[in-house]
Protein backbone atom coordinates (compact mmCIF):
# COMPACT_ATOMS: atom_id res chain seq x y z
CA MET A 1 129.57 71.92 121.42
CA ALA A 2 127.84 74.27 119.00
CA THR A 3 129.56 75.40 115.86
CA LEU A 4 129.26 78.92 114.52
CA ARG A 5 127.47 79.31 111.20
CA THR A 6 127.17 82.36 109.06
CA SER A 7 123.62 83.55 108.81
CA LYS A 8 122.16 84.26 105.39
CA ALA A 9 119.23 86.12 106.89
CA VAL A 10 118.56 89.55 105.45
CA PRO A 11 118.03 92.33 107.97
CA PRO A 12 114.46 93.71 107.85
CA SER A 13 115.67 97.23 107.11
CA THR A 14 116.98 96.12 103.70
CA VAL A 15 113.73 94.40 102.75
CA TYR A 16 111.13 96.86 103.96
CA VAL A 17 111.33 100.60 103.62
CA ALA A 18 108.44 102.70 104.89
CA PRO A 19 106.67 104.54 102.06
CA ARG A 20 107.20 108.24 101.69
CA GLU A 21 104.23 110.54 102.12
CA SER A 22 104.19 111.21 98.37
CA LYS A 23 103.81 107.48 97.69
CA LEU A 24 100.79 106.96 99.91
CA ILE A 25 97.47 106.76 98.04
CA THR A 26 94.56 108.71 99.42
CA HIS A 27 90.98 107.58 99.65
CA GLU A 28 90.00 110.00 96.90
CA GLN A 29 92.72 108.74 94.54
CA LEU A 30 91.67 105.14 95.13
CA HIS A 31 88.03 106.04 94.50
CA ASN A 32 88.97 107.81 91.25
CA HIS A 33 91.05 104.83 90.05
CA LEU A 34 88.20 102.44 90.83
CA GLN A 35 85.64 104.64 89.11
CA THR A 36 87.83 104.92 85.98
CA PHE A 37 88.30 101.14 85.95
CA GLN A 38 84.56 100.52 86.15
CA GLN A 39 83.75 103.15 83.49
CA ALA A 40 86.21 101.41 81.14
CA GLY A 41 84.17 98.22 81.51
CA GLY A 42 86.17 96.61 84.30
CA VAL A 43 84.27 94.31 86.61
CA ILE A 44 85.28 93.31 90.12
CA GLU A 45 84.41 89.73 90.90
CA ARG A 46 83.11 89.32 94.43
CA LEU A 47 83.92 85.91 95.78
CA GLY A 48 81.85 84.11 98.38
CA ASN A 49 82.96 81.95 101.27
CA THR A 50 85.10 78.96 100.43
CA PRO A 51 83.74 75.87 102.26
CA ALA A 52 87.13 74.16 102.02
CA LEU A 53 88.64 76.81 104.27
CA LYS A 54 85.97 76.64 106.97
CA ARG A 55 86.80 74.81 110.16
CA ILE A 56 84.78 71.64 110.68
CA GLY A 57 83.85 70.57 114.15
C-alpha cells in the first residue's frame, strides 16, 4: 500500500512570472547596447563547433 508523502515541489507560478511589457527589450535597444559595448572595446568571441559534442556513428 502506498504511503502519502508531502511534496516539496514548487508550483511553476511561483518560479516563473511572465515579464511585463516595460521589461521586454526591443531589437533597437539590444542593438544600441551591443554597439556601445563594441565601441568601448568589448569583443564578442565567436566559438566554433565542439567535436566532443558531435554524434559519432
